[in-house]
Amino acid sequence: MTNVITNDEIWLDLDDDTEGLLDEWHVAEGEQVEGGQNIASIVLIKANYEITAPTSGVLSKILVPEQDSFTKGQTLAEID
């Protein structure tokens, strides 16, 4: 299992308690994904970023639903 988290680089100039917003999932649970594929869109302080799959596999579980907030280092989803 591989956890999907945000890249630490996008948090460099932000406080550790800054929350992001998971704007949209581009794939559903149970769908096949490829490493590097855009799988979600997030918003951090009015800047939008794409989250890519860190590995190929099946997006087995979405842990942060659309329009929910999350924090740095939080697991967004799992890929098997």
PDB file of N, CA and C in Angstrom:
ATOM      1  N   MET A   1       0.845  -1.174   0.000  1.00  0.00           N
ATOM      2  CA  MET A   1       0.000   0.000   0.000  1.00  0.00           C
ATOM      3  C   MET A   1       0.893   1.240   0.000  1.00  0.00           C
ATOM      4  N   THR A   2       0.511   2.232  -0.775  1.00  0.00           N
ATOM      5  CA  THR A   2       1.218   3.512  -0.844  1.00  0.00           C
ATOM      6  C   THR A   2       0.262   4.614  -0.409  1.00  0.00           C
ATOM      7  N   ASN A   3       0.711   5.471   0.496  1.00  0.00           N
ATOM      8  CA  ASN A   3      -0.102   6.612   0.927  1.00  0.00           C
ATOM      9  C   ASN A   3       0.086   7.773  -0.030  1.00  0.00           C
ATOM     10  N   VAL A   4      -0.991   8.469  -0.316  1.00  0.00           N
ATOM     11  CA  VAL A   4      -0.952   9.672  -1.148  1.00  0.00           C
ATOM     12  C   VAL A   4      -0.949  10.873  -0.216  1.00  0.00           C
ATOM     13  N   ILE A   5       0.133  11.655  -0.273  1.00  0.00           N
ATOM     14  CA  ILE A   5       0.230  12.879   0.519  1.00  0.00           C
ATOM     15  C   ILE A   5       0.694  14.005  -0.404  1.00  0.00           C
ATOM     16  N   THR A   6       0.627  15.236   0.080  1.00  0.00           N
ATOM     17  CA  THR A   6       1.099  16.363  -0.718  1.00  0.00           C
ATOM     18  C   THR A   6       2.619  16.423  -0.664  1.00  0.00           C
ATOM     19  N   ASN A   7       3.200  17.016  -1.670  1.00  0.00           N
ATOM     20  CA  ASN A   7       4.637  17.225  -1.736  1.00  0.00           C
ATOM     21  C   ASN A   7       5.020  18.300  -0.715  1.00  0.00           C
ATOM     22  N   ASP A   8       6.033  18.043   0.098  1.00  0.00           N
ATOM     23  CA  ASP A   8       6.448  19.006   1.123  1.00  0.00           C
ATOM     24  C   ASP A   8       6.847  20.354   0.541  1.00  0.00           C
ATOM     25  N   GLU A   9       7.295  20.390  -0.703  1.00  0.00           N
ATOM     26  CA  GLU A   9       7.755  21.647  -1.313  1.00  0.00           C
ATOM     27  C   GLU A   9       6.654  22.701  -1.383  1.00  0.00           C
ATOM     28  N   ILE A  10       5.391  22.290  -1.535  1.00  0.00           N
ATOM     29  CA  ILE A  10       4.326  23.292  -1.651  1.00  0.00           C
ATOM     30  C   ILE A  10       4.006  23.947  -0.309  1.00  0.00           C
ATOM     31  N   TRP A  11       4.521  23.401   0.778  1.00  0.00           N
ATOM     32  CA  TRP A  11       4.274  23.939   2.112  1.00  0.00           C
ATOM     33  C   TRP A  11       5.430  24.800   2.627  1.00  0.00           C
ATOM     34  N   LEU A  12       6.484  24.997   1.836  1.00  0.00           N
ATOM     35  CA  LEU A  12       7.702  25.648   2.321  1.00  0.00           C
ATOM     36  C   LEU A  12       7.479  27.002   2.988  1.00  0.00           C
ATOM     37  N   ASP A  13       6.678  27.854   2.407  1.00  0.00           N
ATOM     38  CA  ASP A  13       6.487  29.204   2.941  1.00  0.00           C
ATOM     39  C   ASP A  13       5.225  29.330   3.787  1.00  0.00           C
ATOM     40  N   LEU A  14       4.654  28.200   4.201  1.00  0.00           N
ATOM     41  CA  LEU A  14       3.407  28.225   4.962  1.00  0.00           C
ATOM     42  C   LEU A  14       3.646  27.727   6.386  1.00  0.00           C
ATOM     43  N   ASP A  15       2.834  28.215   7.307  1.00  0.00           N
ATOM     44  CA  ASP A  15       2.893  27.732   8.684  1.00  0.00           C
ATOM     45  C   ASP A  15       2.458  26.274   8.728  1.00  0.00           C
ATOM     46  N   ASP A  16       2.980  25.520   9.682  1.00  0.00           N
ATOM     47  CA  ASP A  16       2.630  24.104   9.804  1.00  0.00           C
ATOM     48  C   ASP A  16       1.153  23.879  10.074  1.00  0.00           C
ATOM     49  N   ASP A  17       0.464  24.855  10.662  1.00  0.00           N
ATOM     50  CA  ASP A  17      -0.960  24.673  10.956  1.00  0.00           C
ATOM     51  C   ASP A  17      -1.863  25.147   9.814  1.00  0.00           C
ATOM     52  N   THR A  18      -1.277  25.539   8.683  1.00  0.00           N
ATOM     53  CA  THR A  18      -2.066  25.946   7.518  1.00  0.00           C
ATOM     54  C   THR A  18      -2.827  24.740   6.984  1.00  0.00           C
ATOM     55  N   GLU A  19      -4.102  24.931   6.682  1.00  0.00           N
ATOM     56  CA  GLU A  19      -4.913  23.858   6.123  1.00  0.00           C
ATOM     57  C   GLU A  19      -5.062  24.035   4.630  1.00  0.00           C
ATOM     58  N   GLY A  20      -5.127  22.925   3.928  1.00  0.00           N
ATOM     59  CA  GLY A  20      -5.445  22.918   2.515  1.00  0.00           C
ATOM     60  C   GLY A  20      -6.870  22.455   2.337  1.00  0.00           C
ATOM     61  N   LEU A  21      -7.383  22.586   1.124  1.00  0.00           N
ATOM     62  CA  LEU A  21      -8.731  22.127   0.790  1.00  0.00           C
ATOM     63  C   LEU A  21      -8.620  21.146  -0.357  1.00  0.00           C
ATOM     64  N   LEU A  22      -9.145  19.949  -0.186  1.00  0.00           N
ATOM     65  CA  LEU A  22      -9.175  18.995  -1.282  1.00  0.00           C
ATOM     66  C   LEU A  22     -10.344  19.387  -2.173  1.00  0.00           C
ATOM     67  N   ASP A  23     -10.034  19.988  -3.302  1.00  0.00           N
ATOM     68  CA  ASP A  23     -11.053  20.545  -4.178  1.00  0.00           C
ATOM     69  C   ASP A  23     -11.804  19.466  -4.947  1.00  0.00           C
ATOM     70  N   GLU A  24     -11.071  18.540  -5.580  1.00  0.00           N
ATOM     71  CA  GLU A  24     -11.742  17.550  -6.427  1.00  0.00           C
ATOM     72  C   GLU A  24     -10.869  16.316  -6.619  1.00  0.00           C
ATOM     73  N   TRP A  25     -11.481  15.144  -6.532  1.00  0.00           N
ATOM     74  CA  TRP A  25     -10.825  13.901  -6.916  1.00  0.00           C
ATOM     75  C   TRP A  25     -11.092  13.667  -8.388  1.00  0.00           C
ATOM     76  N   HIS A  26     -10.049  13.349  -9.167  1.00  0.00           N
ATOM     77  CA  HIS A  26     -10.201  13.088 -10.598  1.00  0.00           C
ATOM     78  C   HIS A  26     -10.444  11.615 -10.885  1.00  0.00           C
ATOM     79  N   VAL A  27     -10.265  10.772  -9.880  1.00  0.00           N
ATOM     80  CA  VAL A  27     -10.525   9.335  -9.997  1.00  0.00           C
ATOM     81  C   VAL A  27     -11.341   8.900  -8.788  1.00  0.00           C
ATOM     82  N   ALA A  28     -12.034   7.794  -8.931  1.00  0.00           N
ATOM     83  CA  ALA A  28     -12.861   7.269  -7.848  1.00  0.00           C
ATOM     84  C   ALA A  28     -12.175   6.070  -7.208  1.00  0.00           C
ATOM     85  N   GLU A  29     -12.605   5.737  -6.002  1.00  0.00           N
ATOM     86  CA  GLU A  29     -12.101   4.534  -5.363  1.00  0.00           C
ATOM     87  C   GLU A  29     -12.317   3.344  -6.280  1.00  0.00           C
ATOM     88  N   GLY A  30     -11.335   2.485  -6.362  1.00  0.00           N
ATOM     89  CA  GLY A  30     -11.428   1.289  -7.193  1.00  0.00           C
ATOM     90  C   GLY A  30     -10.922   1.463  -8.608  1.00  0.00           C
ATOM     91  N   GLU A  31     -10.609   2.696  -9.013  1.00  0.00           N
ATOM     92  CA  GLU A  31     -10.110   2.942 -10.364  1.00  0.00           C
ATOM     93  C   GLU A  31      -8.592   2.768 -10.411  1.00  0.00           C
ATOM     94  N   GLN A  32      -8.102   2.276 -11.534  1.00  0.00           N
ATOM     95  CA  GLN A  32      -6.677   2.117 -11.784  1.00  0.00           C
ATOM     96  C   GLN A  32      -6.042   3.489 -12.010  1.00  0.00           C
ATOM     97  N   VAL A  33      -4.854   3.699 -11.455  1.00  0.00           N
ATOM     98  CA  VAL A  33      -4.095   4.934 -11.677  1.00  0.00           C
ATOM     99  C   VAL A  33      -2.678   4.570 -12.086  1.00  0.00           C
ATOM    100  N   GLU A  34      -2.013   5.486 -12.746  1.00  0.00           N
ATOM    101  CA  GLU A  34      -0.617   5.318 -13.145  1.00  0.00           C
ATOM    102  C   GLU A  34       0.243   6.295 -12.349  1.00  0.00           C
ATOM    103  N   GLY A  35       1.453   5.897 -12.025  1.00  0.00           N
ATOM    104  CA  GLY A  35       2.375   6.788 -11.333  1.00  0.00           C
ATOM    105  C   GLY A  35       2.555   8.076 -12.117  1.00  0.00           C
ATOM    106  N   GLY A  36       2.433   9.212 -11.457  1.00  0.00           N
ATOM    107  CA  GLY A  36       2.557  10.507 -12.108  1.00  0.00           C
ATOM    108  C   GLY A  36       1.250  11.064 -12.653  1.00  0.00           C
ATOM    109  N   GLN A  37       0.185  10.275 -12.620  1.00  0.00           N
ATOM    110  CA  GLN A  37      -1.121  10.726 -13.110  1.00  0.00           C
ATOM    111  C   GLN A  37      -1.730  11.713 -12.123  1.00  0.00           C
ATOM    112  N   ASN A  38      -2.341  12.801 -12.619  1.00  0.00           N
ATOM    113  CA  ASN A  38      -3.063  13.724 -11.749  1.00  0.00           C
ATOM    114  C   ASN A  38      -4.304  13.016 -11.217  1.00  0.00           C
ATOM    115  N   ILE A  39      -4.412  12.939  -9.893  1.00  0.00           N
ATOM    116  CA  ILE A  39      -5.543  12.230  -9.306  1.00  0.00           C
ATOM    117  C   ILE A  39      -6.442  13.129  -8.458  1.00  0.00           C
ATOM    118  N   ALA A  40      -5.963  14.326  -8.105  1.00  0.00           N
ATOM    119  CA  ALA A  40      -6.766  15.232  -7.288  1.00  0.00           C
ATOM    120  C   ALA A  40      -6.284  16.665  -7.467  1.00  0.00           C
ATOM    121  N   SER A  41      -7.176  17.614  -7.166  1.00  0.00           N
ATOM    122  CA  SER A  41      -6.835  19.035  -7.141  1.00  0.00           C
ATOM    123  C   SER A  41      -7.015  19.540  -5.718  1.00  0.00           C
ATOM    124  N   ILE A  42      -6.046  20.340  -5.252  1.00  0.00           N
ATOM    125  CA  ILE A  42      -6.135  20.928  -3.924  1.00  0.00           C
ATOM    126  C   ILE A  42      -5.952  22.436  -4.029  1.00  0.00           C
ATOM    127  N   VAL A  43      -6.332  23.132  -2.970  1.00  0.00           N
ATOM    128  CA  VAL A  43      -6.161  24.582  -2.894  1.00  0.00           C
ATOM    129  C   VAL A  43      -5.440  24.897  -1.585  1.00  0.00           C
ATOM    130  N   LEU A  44      -4.357  25.685  -1.693  1.00  0.00           N
ATOM    131  CA  LEU A  44      -3.633  26.178  -0.529  1.00  0.00           C
ATOM    132  C   LEU A  44      -3.537  27.689  -0.643  1.00  0.00           C
ATOM    133  N   ILE A  45      -4.203  28.395   0.245  1.00  0.00           N
ATOM    134  CA  ILE A  45      -4.165  29.852   0.278  1.00  0.00           C
ATOM    135  C   ILE A  45      -4.270  30.441  -1.130  1.00  0.00           C
ATOM    136  N   LYS A  46      -5.336  30.120  -1.792  1.00  0.00           N
ATOM    137  CA  LYS A  46      -5.690  30.651  -3.114  1.00  0.00           C
ATOM    138  C   LYS A  46      -4.746  30.238  -4.226  1.00  0.00           C
ATOM    139  N   ALA A  47      -3.949  29.215  -4.022  1.00  0.00           N
ATOM    140  CA  ALA A  47      -3.124  28.648  -5.087  1.00  0.00           C
ATOM    141  C   ALA A  47      -3.587  27.210  -5.303  1.00  0.00           C
ATOM    142  N   ASN A  48      -3.752  26.829  -6.547  1.00  0.00           N
ATOM    143  CA  ASN A  48      -4.225  25.482  -6.875  1.00  0.00           C
ATOM    144  C   ASN A  48      -3.056  24.598  -7.276  1.00  0.00           C
ATOM    145  N   TYR A  49      -3.101  23.355  -6.866  1.00  0.00           N
ATOM    146  CA  TYR A  49      -2.077  22.361  -7.183  1.00  0.00           C
ATOM    147  C   TYR A  49      -2.746  21.066  -7.598  1.00  0.00           C
ATOM    148  N   GLU A  50      -2.044  20.285  -8.409  1.00  0.00           N
ATOM    149  CA  GLU A  50      -2.495  18.945  -8.778  1.00  0.00           C
ATOM    150  C   GLU A  50      -1.709  17.944  -7.943  1.00  0.00           C
ATOM    151  N   ILE A  51      -2.372  16.930  -7.465  1.00  0.00           N
ATOM    152  CA  ILE A  51      -1.741  15.832  -6.748  1.00  0.00           C
ATOM    153  C   ILE A  51      -1.586  14.683  -7.726  1.00  0.00           C
ATOM    154  N   THR A  52      -0.384  14.131  -7.817  1.00  0.00           N
ATOM    155  CA  THR A  52      -0.144  13.025  -8.731  1.00  0.00           C
ATOM    156  C   THR A  52      -0.006  11.724  -7.945  1.00  0.00           C
ATOM    157  N   ALA A  53      -0.328  10.639  -8.611  1.00  0.00           N
ATOM    158  CA  ALA A  53      -0.184   9.324  -8.001  1.00  0.00           C
ATOM    159  C   ALA A  53       1.306   9.020  -7.839  1.00  0.00           C
ATOM    160  N   PRO A  54       1.738   8.650  -6.649  1.00  0.00           N
ATOM    161  CA  PRO A  54       3.152   8.354  -6.443  1.00  0.00           C
ATOM    162  C   PRO A  54       3.571   7.023  -7.058  1.00  0.00           C
ATOM    163  N   THR A  55       2.598   6.187  -7.390  1.00  0.00           N
ATOM    164  CA  THR A  55       2.868   4.869  -7.952  1.00  0.00           C
ATOM    165  C   THR A  55       1.646   4.396  -8.727  1.00  0.00           C
ATOM    166  N   SER A  56       1.818   3.387  -9.546  1.00  0.00           N
ATOM    167  CA  SER A  56       0.687   2.789 -10.255  1.00  0.00           C
ATOM    168  C   SER A  56      -0.025   1.815  -9.326  1.00  0.00           C
ATOM    169  N   GLY A  57      -1.299   1.606  -9.552  1.00  0.00           N
ATOM    170  CA  GLY A  57      -2.091   0.681  -8.754  1.00  0.00           C
ATOM    171  C   GLY A  57      -3.541   1.073  -8.774  1.00  0.00           C
ATOM    172  N   VAL A  58      -4.276   0.641  -7.784  1.00  0.00           N
ATOM    173  CA  VAL A  58      -5.701   0.948  -7.661  1.00  0.00           C
ATOM    174  C   VAL A  58      -5.878   1.921  -6.504  1.00  0.00           C
ATOM    175  N   LEU A  59      -6.593   3.022  -6.759  1.00  0.00           N
ATOM    176  CA  LEU A  59      -6.926   3.959  -5.682  1.00  0.00           C
ATOM    177  C   LEU A  59      -7.929   3.243  -4.786  1.00  0.00           C
ATOM    178  N   SER A  60      -7.431   2.653  -3.723  1.00  0.00           N
ATOM    179  CA  SER A  60      -8.261   1.769  -2.908  1.00  0.00           C
ATOM    180  C   SER A  60      -9.099   2.497  -1.867  1.00  0.00           C
ATOM    181  N   LYS A  61      -8.616   3.644  -1.389  1.00  0.00           N
ATOM    182  CA  LYS A  61      -9.370   4.335  -0.350  1.00  0.00           C
ATOM    183  C   LYS A  61      -9.082   5.826  -0.374  1.00  0.00           C
ATOM    184  N   ILE A  62     -10.136   6.628  -0.455  1.00  0.00           N
ATOM    185  CA  ILE A  62     -10.041   8.084  -0.334  1.00  0.00           C
ATOM    186  C   ILE A  62     -10.272   8.417   1.136  1.00  0.00           C
ATOM    187  N   LEU A  63      -9.294   9.054   1.767  1.00  0.00           N
ATOM    188  CA  LEU A  63      -9.381   9.383   3.188  1.00  0.00           C
ATOM    189  C   LEU A  63      -9.831  10.814   3.445  1.00  0.00           C
ATOM    190  N   VAL A  64      -9.641  11.710   2.469  1.00  0.00           N
ATOM    191  CA  VAL A  64     -10.092  13.097   2.592  1.00  0.00           C
ATOM    192  C   VAL A  64     -11.072  13.354   1.445  1.00  0.00           C
ATOM    193  N   PRO A  65     -12.357  13.467   1.751  1.00  0.00           N
ATOM    194  CA  PRO A  65     -13.344  13.701   0.696  1.00  0.00           C
ATOM    195  C   PRO A  65     -13.229  15.101   0.089  1.00  0.00           C
ATOM    196  N   GLU A  66     -13.843  15.262  -1.071  1.00  0.00           N
ATOM    197  CA  GLU A  66     -13.874  16.578  -1.720  1.00  0.00           C
ATOM    198  C   GLU A  66     -14.476  17.611  -0.781  1.00  0.00           C
ATOM    199  N   GLN A  67     -13.894  18.799  -0.812  1.00  0.00           N
ATOM    200  CA  GLN A  67     -14.313  19.964  -0.036  1.00  0.00           C
ATOM    201  C   GLN A  67     -14.027  19.842   1.461  1.00  0.00           C
ATOM    202  N   ASP A  68     -13.228  18.835   1.869  1.00  0.00           N
ATOM    203  CA  ASP A  68     -12.764  18.736   3.252  1.00  0.00           C
ATOM    204  C   ASP A  68     -11.359  19.308   3.351  1.00  0.00           C
ATOM    205  N   SER A  69     -11.010  19.804   4.522  1.00  0.00           N
ATOM    206  CA  SER A  69      -9.672  20.355   4.724  1.00  0.00           C
ATOM    207  C   SER A  69      -8.722  19.255   5.200  1.00  0.00           C
ATOM    208  N   PHE A  70      -7.427  19.532   5.065  1.00  0.00           N
ATOM    209  CA  PHE A  70      -6.383  18.609   5.487  1.00  0.00           C
ATOM    210  C   PHE A  70      -5.167  19.429   5.890  1.00  0.00           C
ATOM    211  N   THR A  71      -4.212  18.777   6.548  1.00  0.00           N
ATOM    212  CA  THR A  71      -3.011  19.471   6.998  1.00  0.00           C
ATOM    213  C   THR A  71      -1.772  18.840   6.377  1.00  0.00           C
ATOM    214  N   LYS A  72      -0.664  19.519   6.513  1.00  0.00           N
ATOM    215  CA  LYS A  72       0.615  19.047   5.982  1.00  0.00           C
ATOM    216  C   LYS A  72       0.925  17.649   6.498  1.00  0.00           C
ATOM    217  N   GLY A  73       1.290  16.756   5.602  1.00  0.00           N
ATOM    218  CA  GLY A  73       1.656  15.402   5.974  1.00  0.00           C
ATOM    219  C   GLY A  73       0.505  14.437   6.136  1.00  0.00           C
ATOM    220  N   GLN A  74      -0.732  14.934   6.077  1.00  0.00           N
ATOM    221  CA  GLN A  74      -1.893  14.067   6.224  1.00  0.00           C
ATOM    222  C   GLN A  74      -2.059  13.185   4.992  1.00  0.00           C
ATOM    223  N   THR A  75      -2.377  11.915   5.194  1.00  0.00           N
ATOM    224  CA  THR A  75      -2.620  10.998   4.089  1.00  0.00           C
ATOM    225  C   THR A  75      -3.971  11.319   3.467  1.00  0.00           C
ATOM    226  N   LEU A  76      -3.978  11.553   2.144  1.00  0.00           N
ATOM    227  CA  LEU A  76      -5.200  11.889   1.419  1.00  0.00           C
ATOM    228  C   LEU A  76      -5.925  10.662   0.904  1.00  0.00           C
ATOM    229  N   ALA A  77      -5.161   9.633   0.527  1.00  0.00           N
ATOM    230  CA  ALA A  77      -5.735   8.416  -0.044  1.00  0.00           C
ATOM    231  C   ALA A  77      -4.705   7.305   0.028  1.00  0.00           C
ATOM    232  N   GLU A  78      -5.144   6.079  -0.320  1.00  0.00           N
ATOM    233  CA  GLU A  78      -4.255   4.933  -0.358  1.00  0.00           C
ATOM    234  C   GLU A  78      -4.335   4.279  -1.735  1.00  0.00           C
ATOM    235  N   ILE A  79      -3.197   3.839  -2.239  1.00  0.00           N
ATOM    236  CA  ILE A  79      -3.125   3.124  -3.521  1.00  0.00           C
ATOM    237  C   ILE A  79      -2.551   1.742  -3.239  1.00  0.00           C
ATOM    238  N   ASP A  80      -3.248   0.704  -3.716  1.00  0.00           N
ATOM    239  CA  ASP A  80      -2.746  -0.676  -3.580  1.00  0.00           C
ATOM    240  C   ASP A  80      -2.193  -1.128  -4.899  1.00  0.00           C
TER     241      ASP A  80
END
